[in-house]
Amino acid sequence: MHPAYSVILFTTASGAGYGLLIWLAFASLNDWTPIEQPAGLIGFGLALGLITAGLLSSTAHLGRPERAWRAFSQWRTSWLSREGVLAVATYVPAVVMAIGWVFNEDNTGIFAIAALFTIPLALATVYCTGMIYASLPTIRQWHQPLTVPVYLALSLASGAILFTLLLSVFDEEEAGGAWISLGALAIAAVLKWLYWRRIDEEPREHTAEAATGLGRIGKVRVLEQPHTQANYVMREMGYAVARKHAETLRLIVYVFAFAVPAVLILAVFEPAPWLGIAGSALATLSMGAALIVERWLFFAEAQHVVTLYYGADAA
């Protein structure tokens, strides 16, 4: 599939934003970090800013962005519509929780209830994002049981890194944030490795022979392509990345999305506060850049079955 940069930005930015929002709600419910105005202002500003920027960027991939609001009406059948509905719904408890934290410095009562609702709503939104792709049987690389868990794990891991950075800046319980980050990074790394292993090793059952029903006769090949010049299908669904390039990009993801952030985040255990801030800030930059590569590769490695009619041997 052709990697759409607006969707790449949407999934990485909003995923990190929802992850940070989840950890902020978790901290609020457990009195893990002092409820102070500066921490809340920066934390919620960053989380909601990333979520909003990601959601707005996703409309750039639409043919008619001004009609994006119509997607909300199909929530009964469309994961995209469900994602939109849940994304808007998440704002309500998140904003209430932010108001309590920033303006009242209070995390009890209605503000605690808001935090309690924020976590499942944020998780459900990211779940729907993953299901948009996992629900497509026409794309083998996406129609996988690990697609959604990887989306959730990367959201929580990137959010945990941002949360640790926030704690480091305010010198509050950053060691706890570091342990959460290390655990989330480990889980995300394992799930991503299992995902890549699965799509590499499973049989490619979508073939021209199976599509035409002529496999019993022998090898099927395309005599004439459906179109004589480039079209939307070829541009959007006929993209392919070389195997050697994919392996290089996978290595980059492993190093800079998981290994490097895990090493850098250890700096928060040092007694000097500036080391924790520097380490978590560099970990954030490393993981953010690598997640863009990971998401680009997620689209580039996907192959739609329609490519069989344009000469592909299998999908």
C-alpha atoms as a PDB file:
ATOM      1  CA  MET A   1       0.000   0.000   0.000  1.00  0.00           C
ATOM      2  CA  HIS A   2       1.125   3.555  -0.670  1.00  0.00           C
ATOM      3  CA  PRO A   3       2.134   5.144   2.678  1.00  0.00           C
ATOM      4  CA  ALA A   4      -0.064   8.202   3.275  1.00  0.00           C
ATOM      5  CA  TYR A   5       1.905  10.703   5.317  1.00  0.00           C
ATOM      6  CA  SER A   6      -1.212  12.273   6.826  1.00  0.00           C
ATOM      7  CA  VAL A   7      -2.313   8.879   8.179  1.00  0.00           C
ATOM      8  CA  ILE A   8       1.221   8.138   9.415  1.00  0.00           C
ATOM      9  CA  LEU A   9       1.203  11.408  11.351  1.00  0.00           C
ATOM     10  CA  PHE A  10      -2.298  10.704  12.637  1.00  0.00           C
ATOM     11  CA  THR A  11      -1.586   7.232  13.995  1.00  0.00           C
ATOM     12  CA  THR A  12       1.767   8.107  15.587  1.00  0.00           C
ATOM     13  CA  ALA A  13       0.764  11.467  17.092  1.00  0.00           C
ATOM     14  CA  SER A  14      -2.678  10.462  18.342  1.00  0.00           C
ATOM     15  CA  GLY A  15      -1.353   7.120  19.590  1.00  0.00           C
ATOM     16  CA  ALA A  16       1.284   8.845  21.722  1.00  0.00           C
ATOM     17  CA  GLY A  17      -1.277  11.396  22.891  1.00  0.00           C
ATOM     18  CA  TYR A  18      -3.748   8.738  23.990  1.00  0.00           C
ATOM     19  CA  GLY A  19      -0.949   6.808  25.672  1.00  0.00           C
ATOM     20  CA  LEU A  20       0.127   9.878  27.655  1.00  0.00           C
ATOM     21  CA  LEU A  21      -3.501  10.616  28.534  1.00  0.00           C
ATOM     22  CA  ILE A  22      -3.906   7.085  29.892  1.00  0.00           C
ATOM     23  CA  TRP A  23      -0.837   7.386  32.111  1.00  0.00           C
ATOM     24  CA  LEU A  24      -1.934  10.806  33.359  1.00  0.00           C
ATOM     25  CA  ALA A  25      -5.305   9.347  34.313  1.00  0.00           C
ATOM     26  CA  PHE A  26      -3.589   6.380  35.951  1.00  0.00           C
ATOM     27  CA  ALA A  27      -1.354   8.719  37.983  1.00  0.00           C
ATOM     28  CA  SER A  28      -4.334  10.839  38.978  1.00  0.00           C
ATOM     29  CA  LEU A  29      -6.343   7.849  40.201  1.00  0.00           C
ATOM     30  CA  ASN A  30      -3.454   6.515  42.261  1.00  0.00           C
ATOM     31  CA  ASP A  31      -2.166   9.823  43.679  1.00  0.00           C
ATOM     32  CA  TRP A  32       1.091   8.921  42.046  1.00  0.00           C
ATOM     33  CA  THR A  33       2.265  12.439  41.279  1.00  0.00           C
ATOM     34  CA  PRO A  34       1.359  15.760  42.936  1.00  0.00           C
ATOM     35  CA  ILE A  35      -1.642  17.460  41.349  1.00  0.00           C
ATOM     36  CA  GLU A  36       0.024  20.746  40.470  1.00  0.00           C
ATOM     37  CA  GLN A  37      -0.997  23.279  37.847  1.00  0.00           C
ATOM     38  CA  PRO A  38       2.245  23.420  35.789  1.00  0.00           C
ATOM     39  CA  ALA A  39       2.502  19.628  35.465  1.00  0.00           C
ATOM     40  CA  GLY A  40      -1.146  19.324  34.486  1.00  0.00           C
ATOM     41  CA  LEU A  41      -0.987  22.219  32.061  1.00  0.00           C
ATOM     42  CA  ILE A  42       1.988  20.772  30.182  1.00  0.00           C
ATOM     43  CA  GLY A  43       0.866  17.143  30.436  1.00  0.00           C
ATOM     44  CA  PHE A  44      -2.709  17.621  29.259  1.00  0.00           C
ATOM     45  CA  GLY A  45      -1.673  20.294  26.765  1.00  0.00           C
ATOM     46  CA  LEU A  46       0.772  17.854  25.173  1.00  0.00           C
ATOM     47  CA  ALA A  47      -1.605  14.864  25.248  1.00  0.00           C
ATOM     48  CA  LEU A  48      -4.652  16.679  23.898  1.00  0.00           C
ATOM     49  CA  GLY A  49      -2.501  18.632  21.443  1.00  0.00           C
ATOM     50  CA  LEU A  50      -1.058  15.432  19.945  1.00  0.00           C
ATOM     51  CA  ILE A  51      -4.506  13.843  19.769  1.00  0.00           C
ATOM     52  CA  THR A  52      -6.065  16.866  18.102  1.00  0.00           C
ATOM     53  CA  ALA A  53      -3.192  17.339  15.648  1.00  0.00           C
ATOM     54  CA  GLY A  54      -3.371  13.672  14.703  1.00  0.00           C
ATOM     55  CA  LEU A  55      -7.130  13.695  14.184  1.00  0.00           C
ATOM     56  CA  LEU A  56      -6.985  16.843  12.064  1.00  0.00           C
ATOM     57  CA  SER A  57      -4.140  15.468   9.934  1.00  0.00           C
ATOM     58  CA  SER A  58      -6.181  12.333   9.164  1.00  0.00           C
ATOM     59  CA  THR A  59      -8.721  14.423   7.232  1.00  0.00           C
ATOM     60  CA  ALA A  60      -6.005  15.423   4.751  1.00  0.00           C
ATOM     61  CA  HIS A  61      -6.184  11.921   3.258  1.00  0.00           C
ATOM     62  CA  LEU A  62      -9.862  12.307   2.414  1.00  0.00           C
ATOM     63  CA  GLY A  63     -10.963  13.299  -1.053  1.00  0.00           C
ATOM     64  CA  ARG A  64     -13.427  15.799   0.459  1.00  0.00           C
ATOM     65  CA  PRO A  65     -12.137  16.708   3.956  1.00  0.00           C
ATOM     66  CA  GLU A  66     -15.070  19.054   4.535  1.00  0.00           C
ATOM     67  CA  ARG A  67     -17.342  15.987   4.573  1.00  0.00           C
ATOM     68  CA  ALA A  68     -15.378  14.199   7.291  1.00  0.00           C
ATOM     69  CA  TRP A  69     -18.221  14.779   9.756  1.00  0.00           C
ATOM     70  CA  ARG A  70     -20.352  12.282   7.828  1.00  0.00           C
ATOM     71  CA  ALA A  71     -18.115   9.454   9.012  1.00  0.00           C
ATOM     72  CA  PHE A  72     -19.729   9.682  12.462  1.00  0.00           C
ATOM     73  CA  SER A  73     -23.039   8.388  11.115  1.00  0.00           C
ATOM     74  CA  GLN A  74     -21.776   4.889  10.241  1.00  0.00           C
ATOM     75  CA  TRP A  75     -20.723   3.746  13.711  1.00  0.00           C
ATOM     76  CA  ARG A  76     -22.833   0.578  13.496  1.00  0.00           C
ATOM     77  CA  THR A  77     -20.737  -0.902  10.691  1.00  0.00           C
ATOM     78  CA  SER A  78     -17.550   1.152  10.332  1.00  0.00           C
ATOM     79  CA  TRP A  79     -14.506   0.995  12.592  1.00  0.00           C
ATOM     80  CA  LEU A  80     -13.471   4.382  11.213  1.00  0.00           C
ATOM     81  CA  SER A  81     -16.766   5.858  12.361  1.00  0.00           C
ATOM     82  CA  ARG A  82     -16.477   4.196  15.759  1.00  0.00           C
ATOM     83  CA  GLU A  83     -12.997   5.616  16.116  1.00  0.00           C
ATOM     84  CA  GLY A  84     -14.312   9.111  15.402  1.00  0.00           C
ATOM     85  CA  VAL A  85     -17.183   8.790  17.857  1.00  0.00           C
ATOM     86  CA  LEU A  86     -14.930   7.459  20.626  1.00  0.00           C
ATOM     87  CA  ALA A  87     -12.273  10.085  19.911  1.00  0.00           C
ATOM     88  CA  VAL A  88     -14.809  12.863  20.469  1.00  0.00           C
ATOM     89  CA  ALA A  89     -16.273  11.077  23.500  1.00  0.00           C
ATOM     90  CA  THR A  90     -12.808  10.800  25.082  1.00  0.00           C
ATOM     91  CA  TYR A  91     -12.448  14.568  25.077  1.00  0.00           C
ATOM     92  CA  VAL A  92     -15.289  14.940  27.598  1.00  0.00           C
ATOM     93  CA  PRO A  93     -13.797  13.105  30.622  1.00  0.00           C
ATOM     94  CA  ALA A  94     -10.264  14.113  29.608  1.00  0.00           C
ATOM     95  CA  VAL A  95     -11.139  17.803  29.662  1.00  0.00           C
ATOM     96  CA  VAL A  96     -12.999  17.422  32.976  1.00  0.00           C
ATOM     97  CA  MET A  97      -9.974  15.668  34.471  1.00  0.00           C
ATOM     98  CA  ALA A  98      -7.681  18.378  33.080  1.00  0.00           C
ATOM     99  CA  ILE A  99      -9.849  21.142  34.585  1.00  0.00           C
ATOM    100  CA  GLY A 100      -9.676  19.496  38.000  1.00  0.00           C
ATOM    101  CA  TRP A 101      -5.909  19.064  37.752  1.00  0.00           C
ATOM    102  CA  VAL A 102      -4.988  22.439  36.237  1.00  0.00           C
ATOM    103  CA  PHE A 103      -7.485  24.848  37.795  1.00  0.00           C
ATOM    104  CA  ASN A 104      -8.525  23.156  41.051  1.00  0.00           C
ATOM    105  CA  GLU A 105      -5.484  20.952  41.735  1.00  0.00           C
ATOM    106  CA  ASP A 106      -8.017  18.278  42.669  1.00  0.00           C
ATOM    107  CA  ASN A 107      -8.273  14.643  41.588  1.00  0.00           C
ATOM    108  CA  THR A 108     -11.179  13.542  43.760  1.00  0.00           C
ATOM    109  CA  GLY A 109     -14.929  13.296  43.261  1.00  0.00           C
ATOM    110  CA  ILE A 110     -16.098  14.036  39.739  1.00  0.00           C
ATOM    111  CA  PHE A 111     -12.504  14.484  38.609  1.00  0.00           C
ATOM    112  CA  ALA A 112     -11.665  10.947  39.742  1.00  0.00           C
ATOM    113  CA  ILE A 113     -14.725   9.630  37.881  1.00  0.00           C
ATOM    114  CA  ALA A 114     -13.533  11.492  34.772  1.00  0.00           C
ATOM    115  CA  ALA A 115     -10.097   9.883  35.074  1.00  0.00           C
ATOM    116  CA  LEU A 116     -11.747   6.485  35.468  1.00  0.00           C
ATOM    117  CA  PHE A 117     -13.692   6.949  32.222  1.00  0.00           C
ATOM    118  CA  THR A 118     -10.742   8.412  30.325  1.00  0.00           C
ATOM    119  CA  ILE A 119      -8.675   5.229  30.415  1.00  0.00           C
ATOM    120  CA  PRO A 120     -11.141   2.794  28.747  1.00  0.00           C
ATOM    121  CA  LEU A 121     -12.294   5.427  26.247  1.00  0.00           C
ATOM    122  CA  ALA A 122      -8.719   6.195  25.187  1.00  0.00           C
ATOM    123  CA  LEU A 123      -7.891   2.488  24.913  1.00  0.00           C
ATOM    124  CA  ALA A 124     -11.067   1.869  22.923  1.00  0.00           C
ATOM    125  CA  THR A 125     -10.201   4.676  20.502  1.00  0.00           C
ATOM    126  CA  VAL A 126      -6.753   3.220  19.803  1.00  0.00           C
ATOM    127  CA  TYR A 127      -8.358  -0.227  19.518  1.00  0.00           C
ATOM    128  CA  CYS A 128     -10.688   1.094  16.813  1.00  0.00           C
ATOM    129  CA  THR A 129      -7.740   2.643  14.977  1.00  0.00           C
ATOM    130  CA  GLY A 130      -6.068  -0.752  14.839  1.00  0.00           C
ATOM    131  CA  MET A 131      -9.304  -2.470  13.823  1.00  0.00           C
ATOM    132  CA  ILE A 132      -9.661  -0.167  10.808  1.00  0.00           C
ATOM    133  CA  TYR A 133      -6.752  -2.119   9.335  1.00  0.00           C
ATOM    134  CA  ALA A 134      -7.154  -5.491  11.049  1.00  0.00           C
ATOM    135  CA  SER A 135     -10.715  -5.830   9.736  1.00  0.00           C
ATOM    136  CA  LEU A 136      -9.624  -5.811   6.065  1.00  0.00           C
ATOM    137  CA  PRO A 137      -9.317  -9.410   4.800  1.00  0.00           C
ATOM    138  CA  THR A 138      -8.119  -8.102   1.418  1.00  0.00           C
ATOM    139  CA  ILE A 139      -4.767  -7.115   2.947  1.00  0.00           C
ATOM    140  CA  ARG A 140      -3.026 -10.102   4.500  1.00  0.00           C
ATOM    141  CA  GLN A 141      -0.385  -8.084   6.364  1.00  0.00           C
ATOM    142  CA  TRP A 142      -3.080  -6.124   8.218  1.00  0.00           C
ATOM    143  CA  HIS A 143      -5.677  -8.854   8.718  1.00  0.00           C
ATOM    144  CA  GLN A 144      -3.688 -10.269  11.626  1.00  0.00           C
ATOM    145  CA  PRO A 145      -4.528 -10.976  15.277  1.00  0.00           C
ATOM    146  CA  LEU A 146      -1.450  -8.981  16.360  1.00  0.00           C
ATOM    147  CA  THR A 147      -2.280  -5.764  14.487  1.00  0.00           C
ATOM    148  CA  VAL A 148      -4.465  -4.295  17.237  1.00  0.00           C
ATOM    149  CA  PRO A 149      -2.208  -5.383  20.151  1.00  0.00           C
ATOM    150  CA  VAL A 150       0.752  -3.738  18.408  1.00  0.00           C
ATOM    151  CA  TYR A 151      -1.194  -0.485  18.024  1.00  0.00           C
ATOM    152  CA  LEU A 152      -2.141  -0.551  21.707  1.00  0.00           C
ATOM    153  CA  ALA A 153       1.356  -1.470  22.874  1.00  0.00           C
ATOM    154  CA  LEU A 154       3.053   1.252  20.842  1.00  0.00           C
ATOM    155  CA  SER A 155       0.541   3.815  22.069  1.00  0.00           C
ATOM    156  CA  LEU A 156       1.173   2.906  25.708  1.00  0.00           C
ATOM    157  CA  ALA A 157       4.948   2.741  25.220  1.00  0.00           C
ATOM    158  CA  SER A 158       5.255   6.110  23.478  1.00  0.00           C
ATOM    159  CA  GLY A 159       2.883   7.641  26.029  1.00  0.00           C
ATOM    160  CA  ALA A 160       4.960   6.190  28.868  1.00  0.00           C
ATOM    161  CA  ILE A 161       8.121   7.802  27.472  1.00  0.00           C
ATOM    162  CA  LEU A 162       6.359  11.180  27.337  1.00  0.00           C
ATOM    163  CA  PHE A 163       5.016  10.617  30.859  1.00  0.00           C
ATOM    164  CA  THR A 164       8.516   9.873  32.153  1.00  0.00           C
ATOM    165  CA  LEU A 165       9.795  13.057  30.511  1.00  0.00           C
ATOM    166  CA  LEU A 166       7.050  15.020  32.269  1.00  0.00           C
ATOM    167  CA  LEU A 167       7.926  13.459  35.624  1.00  0.00           C
ATOM    168  CA  SER A 168      11.617  14.164  35.069  1.00  0.00           C
ATOM    169  CA  VAL A 169      11.000  17.827  34.307  1.00  0.00           C
ATOM    170  CA  PHE A 170       9.110  18.238  37.589  1.00  0.00           C
ATOM    171  CA  ASP A 171      11.412  15.862  39.499  1.00  0.00           C
ATOM    172  CA  GLU A 172       8.499  13.742  40.683  1.00  0.00           C
ATOM    173  CA  GLU A 173       8.511   9.912  40.819  1.00  0.00           C
ATOM    174  CA  GLU A 174      10.455   9.650  37.568  1.00  0.00           C
ATOM    175  CA  ALA A 175      11.849   6.254  38.610  1.00  0.00           C
ATOM    176  CA  GLY A 176       8.344   4.800  38.571  1.00  0.00           C
ATOM    177  CA  GLY A 177       7.756   6.270  35.139  1.00  0.00           C
ATOM    178  CA  ALA A 178      11.018   4.770  33.934  1.00  0.00           C
ATOM    179  CA  TRP A 179      10.001   1.285  35.062  1.00  0.00           C
ATOM    180  CA  ILE A 180       6.667   1.639  33.290  1.00  0.00           C
ATOM    181  CA  SER A 181       8.463   2.810  30.147  1.00  0.00           C
ATOM    182  CA  LEU A 182      10.895  -0.101  30.211  1.00  0.00           C
ATOM    183  CA  GLY A 183       8.071  -2.605  30.652  1.00  0.00           C
ATOM    184  CA  ALA A 184       5.955  -1.030  27.919  1.00  0.00           C
ATOM    185  CA  LEU A 185       8.933  -0.906  25.533  1.00  0.00           C
ATOM    186  CA  ALA A 186       9.704  -4.581  26.145  1.00  0.00           C
ATOM    187  CA  ILE A 187       6.112  -5.654  25.482  1.00  0.00           C
ATOM    188  CA  ALA A 188       5.871  -3.508  22.342  1.00  0.00           C
ATOM    189  CA  ALA A 189       9.192  -4.850  21.021  1.00  0.00           C
ATOM    190  CA  VAL A 190       8.114  -8.477  21.499  1.00  0.00           C
ATOM    191  CA  LEU A 191       4.712  -7.937  19.890  1.00  0.00           C
ATOM    192  CA  LYS A 192       6.231  -6.135  16.903  1.00  0.00           C
ATOM    193  CA  TRP A 193       8.775  -8.922  16.426  1.00  0.00           C
ATOM    194  CA  LEU A 194       6.010 -11.537  16.557  1.00  0.00           C
ATOM    195  CA  TYR A 195       3.951  -9.509  14.062  1.00  0.00           C
ATOM    196  CA  TRP A 196       6.795  -9.252  11.556  1.00  0.00           C
ATOM    197  CA  ARG A 197       7.635 -12.924  11.998  1.00  0.00           C
ATOM    198  CA  ARG A 198       4.017 -13.913  11.355  1.00  0.00           C
ATOM    199  CA  ILE A 199       3.594 -11.918   8.142  1.00  0.00           C
ATOM    200  CA  ASP A 200       6.928 -13.265   6.880  1.00  0.00           C
ATOM    201  CA  GLU A 201       6.274 -16.932   7.599  1.00  0.00           C
ATOM    202  CA  GLU A 202       2.574 -17.444   6.941  1.00  0.00           C
ATOM    203  CA  PRO A 203       1.664 -18.822   3.500  1.00  0.00           C
ATOM    204  CA  ARG A 204       0.579 -16.327   0.852  1.00  0.00           C
ATOM    205  CA  GLU A 205      -2.747 -17.920  -0.064  1.00  0.00           C
ATOM    206  CA  HIS A 206      -4.039 -15.035  -2.166  1.00  0.00           C
ATOM    207  CA  THR A 207      -2.839 -15.924  -5.673  1.00  0.00           C
ATOM    208  CA  ALA A 208      -3.970 -15.377  -9.237  1.00  0.00           C
ATOM    209  CA  GLU A 209      -4.795 -19.084  -9.438  1.00  0.00           C
ATOM    210  CA  ALA A 210      -7.064 -18.877  -6.382  1.00  0.00           C
ATOM    211  CA  ALA A 211      -8.665 -15.617  -7.531  1.00  0.00           C
ATOM    212  CA  THR A 212      -9.609 -16.969 -10.958  1.00  0.00           C
ATOM    213  CA  GLY A 213     -10.306 -20.567  -9.921  1.00  0.00           C
ATOM    214  CA  LEU A 214      -7.976 -21.780 -12.663  1.00  0.00           C
ATOM    215  CA  GLY A 215      -5.258 -23.146 -10.412  1.00  0.00           C
ATOM    216  CA  ARG A 216      -6.169 -26.725 -11.294  1.00  0.00           C
ATOM    217  CA  ILE A 217      -5.083 -26.051 -14.867  1.00  0.00           C
ATOM    218  CA  GLY A 218      -1.707 -24.547 -14.027  1.00  0.00           C
ATOM    219  CA  LYS A 219       0.057 -21.241 -13.610  1.00  0.00           C
ATOM    220  CA  VAL A 220      -2.088 -18.172 -14.289  1.00  0.00           C
ATOM    221  CA  ARG A 221      -0.619 -14.955 -15.625  1.00  0.00           C
ATOM    222  CA  VAL A 222      -2.073 -11.646 -16.691  1.00  0.00           C
ATOM    223  CA  LEU A 223      -2.207 -11.110 -20.451  1.00  0.00           C
ATOM    224  CA  GLU A 224      -3.389  -7.506 -20.301  1.00  0.00           C
ATOM    225  CA  GLN A 225      -3.596  -5.253 -17.255  1.00  0.00           C
ATOM    226  CA  PRO A 226      -6.995  -3.710 -16.477  1.00  0.00           C
ATOM    227  CA  HIS A 227      -5.732  -0.217 -17.330  1.00  0.00           C
ATOM    228  CA  THR A 228      -3.313   1.194 -19.871  1.00  0.00           C
ATOM    229  CA  GLN A 229      -2.143   4.069 -17.692  1.00  0.00           C
ATOM    230  CA  ALA A 230      -1.632   4.843 -14.020  1.00  0.00           C
ATOM    231  CA  ASN A 231      -4.781   5.130 -11.912  1.00  0.00           C
ATOM    232  CA  TYR A 232      -5.882   5.442  -8.303  1.00  0.00           C
ATOM    233  CA  VAL A 233      -5.723   1.700  -7.631  1.00  0.00           C
ATOM    234  CA  MET A 234      -2.170   1.434  -8.912  1.00  0.00           C
ATOM    235  CA  ARG A 235      -1.018   4.510  -7.002  1.00  0.00           C
ATOM    236  CA  GLU A 236      -2.646   3.629  -3.689  1.00  0.00           C
ATOM    237  CA  MET A 237      -2.498  -0.169  -3.649  1.00  0.00           C
ATOM    238  CA  GLY A 238       0.346  -1.126  -5.940  1.00  0.00           C
ATOM    239  CA  TYR A 239       3.196   0.256  -3.846  1.00  0.00           C
ATOM    240  CA  ALA A 240       5.992  -2.196  -3.009  1.00  0.00           C
ATOM    241  CA  VAL A 241       9.117  -1.920  -0.891  1.00  0.00           C
ATOM    242  CA  ALA A 242      12.226  -3.994  -1.622  1.00  0.00           C
ATOM    243  CA  ARG A 243      12.867  -6.797   0.849  1.00  0.00           C
ATOM    244  CA  LYS A 244      16.377  -5.600   1.682  1.00  0.00           C
ATOM    245  CA  HIS A 245      15.072  -2.093   2.351  1.00  0.00           C
ATOM    246  CA  ALA A 246      12.325  -3.458   4.580  1.00  0.00           C
ATOM    247  CA  GLU A 247      14.861  -5.417   6.633  1.00  0.00           C
ATOM    248  CA  THR A 248      16.999  -2.296   7.064  1.00  0.00           C
ATOM    249  CA  LEU A 249      14.001  -0.253   8.158  1.00  0.00           C
ATOM    250  CA  ARG A 250      12.936  -2.948  10.605  1.00  0.00           C
ATOM    251  CA  LEU A 251      16.393  -2.844  12.179  1.00  0.00           C
ATOM    252  CA  ILE A 252      16.143   0.941  12.460  1.00  0.00           C
ATOM    253  CA  VAL A 253      12.818   0.566  14.247  1.00  0.00           C
ATOM    254  CA  TYR A 254      14.199  -1.980  16.700  1.00  0.00           C
ATOM    255  CA  VAL A 255      17.249   0.113  17.503  1.00  0.00           C
ATOM    256  CA  PHE A 256      15.716   3.573  17.737  1.00  0.00           C
ATOM    257  CA  ALA A 257      12.156   2.779  18.872  1.00  0.00           C
ATOM    258  CA  PHE A 258      13.025   0.197  21.521  1.00  0.00           C
ATOM    259  CA  ALA A 259      16.729  -0.303  22.316  1.00  0.00           C
ATOM    260  CA  VAL A 260      17.945   3.316  22.346  1.00  0.00           C
ATOM    261  CA  PRO A 261      14.964   4.680  24.353  1.00  0.00           C
ATOM    262  CA  ALA A 262      15.367   1.835  26.874  1.00  0.00           C
ATOM    263  CA  VAL A 263      19.022   2.764  27.424  1.00  0.00           C
ATOM    264  CA  LEU A 264      18.379   6.509  27.528  1.00  0.00           C
ATOM    265  CA  ILE A 265      15.510   6.207  29.977  1.00  0.00           C
ATOM    266  CA  LEU A 266      17.889   4.637  32.496  1.00  0.00           C
ATOM    267  CA  ALA A 267      19.367   8.099  32.984  1.00  0.00           C
ATOM    268  CA  VAL A 268      16.461   8.994  35.272  1.00  0.00           C
ATOM    269  CA  PHE A 269      17.985   6.710  37.909  1.00  0.00           C
ATOM    270  CA  GLU A 270      21.038   8.979  38.102  1.00  0.00           C
ATOM    271  CA  PRO A 271      21.101  11.476  41.001  1.00  0.00           C
ATOM    272  CA  ALA A 272      21.594  14.500  38.745  1.00  0.00           C
ATOM    273  CA  PRO A 273      18.111  15.732  37.646  1.00  0.00           C
ATOM    274  CA  TRP A 274      19.385  17.123  34.347  1.00  0.00           C
ATOM    275  CA  LEU A 275      20.508  13.647  33.288  1.00  0.00           C
ATOM    276  CA  GLY A 276      16.983  12.316  33.697  1.00  0.00           C
ATOM    277  CA  ILE A 277      15.522  15.188  31.706  1.00  0.00           C
ATOM    278  CA  ALA A 278      18.098  14.828  28.941  1.00  0.00           C
ATOM    279  CA  GLY A 279      17.752  11.053  28.786  1.00  0.00           C
ATOM    280  CA  SER A 280      13.969  11.023  28.652  1.00  0.00           C
ATOM    281  CA  ALA A 281      13.919  13.891  26.125  1.00  0.00           C
ATOM    282  CA  LEU A 282      16.320  12.056  23.813  1.00  0.00           C
ATOM    283  CA  ALA A 283      14.347   8.844  24.298  1.00  0.00           C
ATOM    284  CA  THR A 284      11.209  10.708  23.219  1.00  0.00           C
ATOM    285  CA  LEU A 285      12.878  12.054  20.067  1.00  0.00           C
ATOM    286  CA  SER A 286      14.377   8.672  19.192  1.00  0.00           C
ATOM    287  CA  MET A 287      11.143   6.771  19.606  1.00  0.00           C
ATOM    288  CA  GLY A 288       9.062   9.408  17.853  1.00  0.00           C
ATOM    289  CA  ALA A 289      11.259   9.357  14.750  1.00  0.00           C
ATOM    290  CA  ALA A 290      11.438   5.549  14.720  1.00  0.00           C
ATOM    291  CA  LEU A 291       7.667   5.175  15.086  1.00  0.00           C
ATOM    292  CA  ILE A 292       7.208   7.232  11.936  1.00  0.00           C
ATOM    293  CA  VAL A 293       9.473   4.720  10.177  1.00  0.00           C
ATOM    294  CA  GLU A 294       7.545   1.824  11.733  1.00  0.00           C
ATOM    295  CA  ARG A 295       4.224   3.202  10.589  1.00  0.00           C
ATOM    296  CA  TRP A 296       5.553   3.957   7.091  1.00  0.00           C
ATOM    297  CA  LEU A 297       6.721   0.362   6.875  1.00  0.00           C
ATOM    298  CA  PHE A 298       3.345  -0.880   8.132  1.00  0.00           C
ATOM    299  CA  PHE A 299       1.734   0.629   5.032  1.00  0.00           C
ATOM    300  CA  ALA A 300       4.579  -0.034   2.570  1.00  0.00           C
ATOM    301  CA  GLU A 301       4.718  -3.779   3.345  1.00  0.00           C
ATOM    302  CA  ALA A 302       0.961  -4.231   2.957  1.00  0.00           C
ATOM    303  CA  GLN A 303      -0.205  -5.682  -0.364  1.00  0.00           C
ATOM    304  CA  HIS A 304      -3.819  -5.541  -1.492  1.00  0.00           C
ATOM    305  CA  VAL A 305      -5.241  -8.563  -3.326  1.00  0.00           C
ATOM    306  CA  VAL A 306      -6.201  -6.295  -6.230  1.00  0.00           C
ATOM    307  CA  THR A 307      -2.516  -6.292  -7.239  1.00  0.00           C
ATOM    308  CA  LEU A 308      -3.038  -9.857  -8.478  1.00  0.00           C
ATOM    309  CA  TYR A 309      -4.873  -8.374 -11.457  1.00  0.00           C
ATOM    310  CA  TYR A 310      -1.896  -6.154 -12.192  1.00  0.00           C
ATOM    311  CA  GLY A 311       0.660  -8.959 -12.404  1.00  0.00           C
ATOM    312  CA  ALA A 312       1.546  -9.797  -8.774  1.00  0.00           C
ATOM    313  CA  ASP A 313       2.163 -13.518  -8.140  1.00  0.00           C
ATOM    314  CA  ALA A 314       0.693 -13.521  -4.642  1.00  0.00           C
ATOM    315  CA  ALA A 315      -0.530 -11.163  -1.930  1.00  0.00           C
END
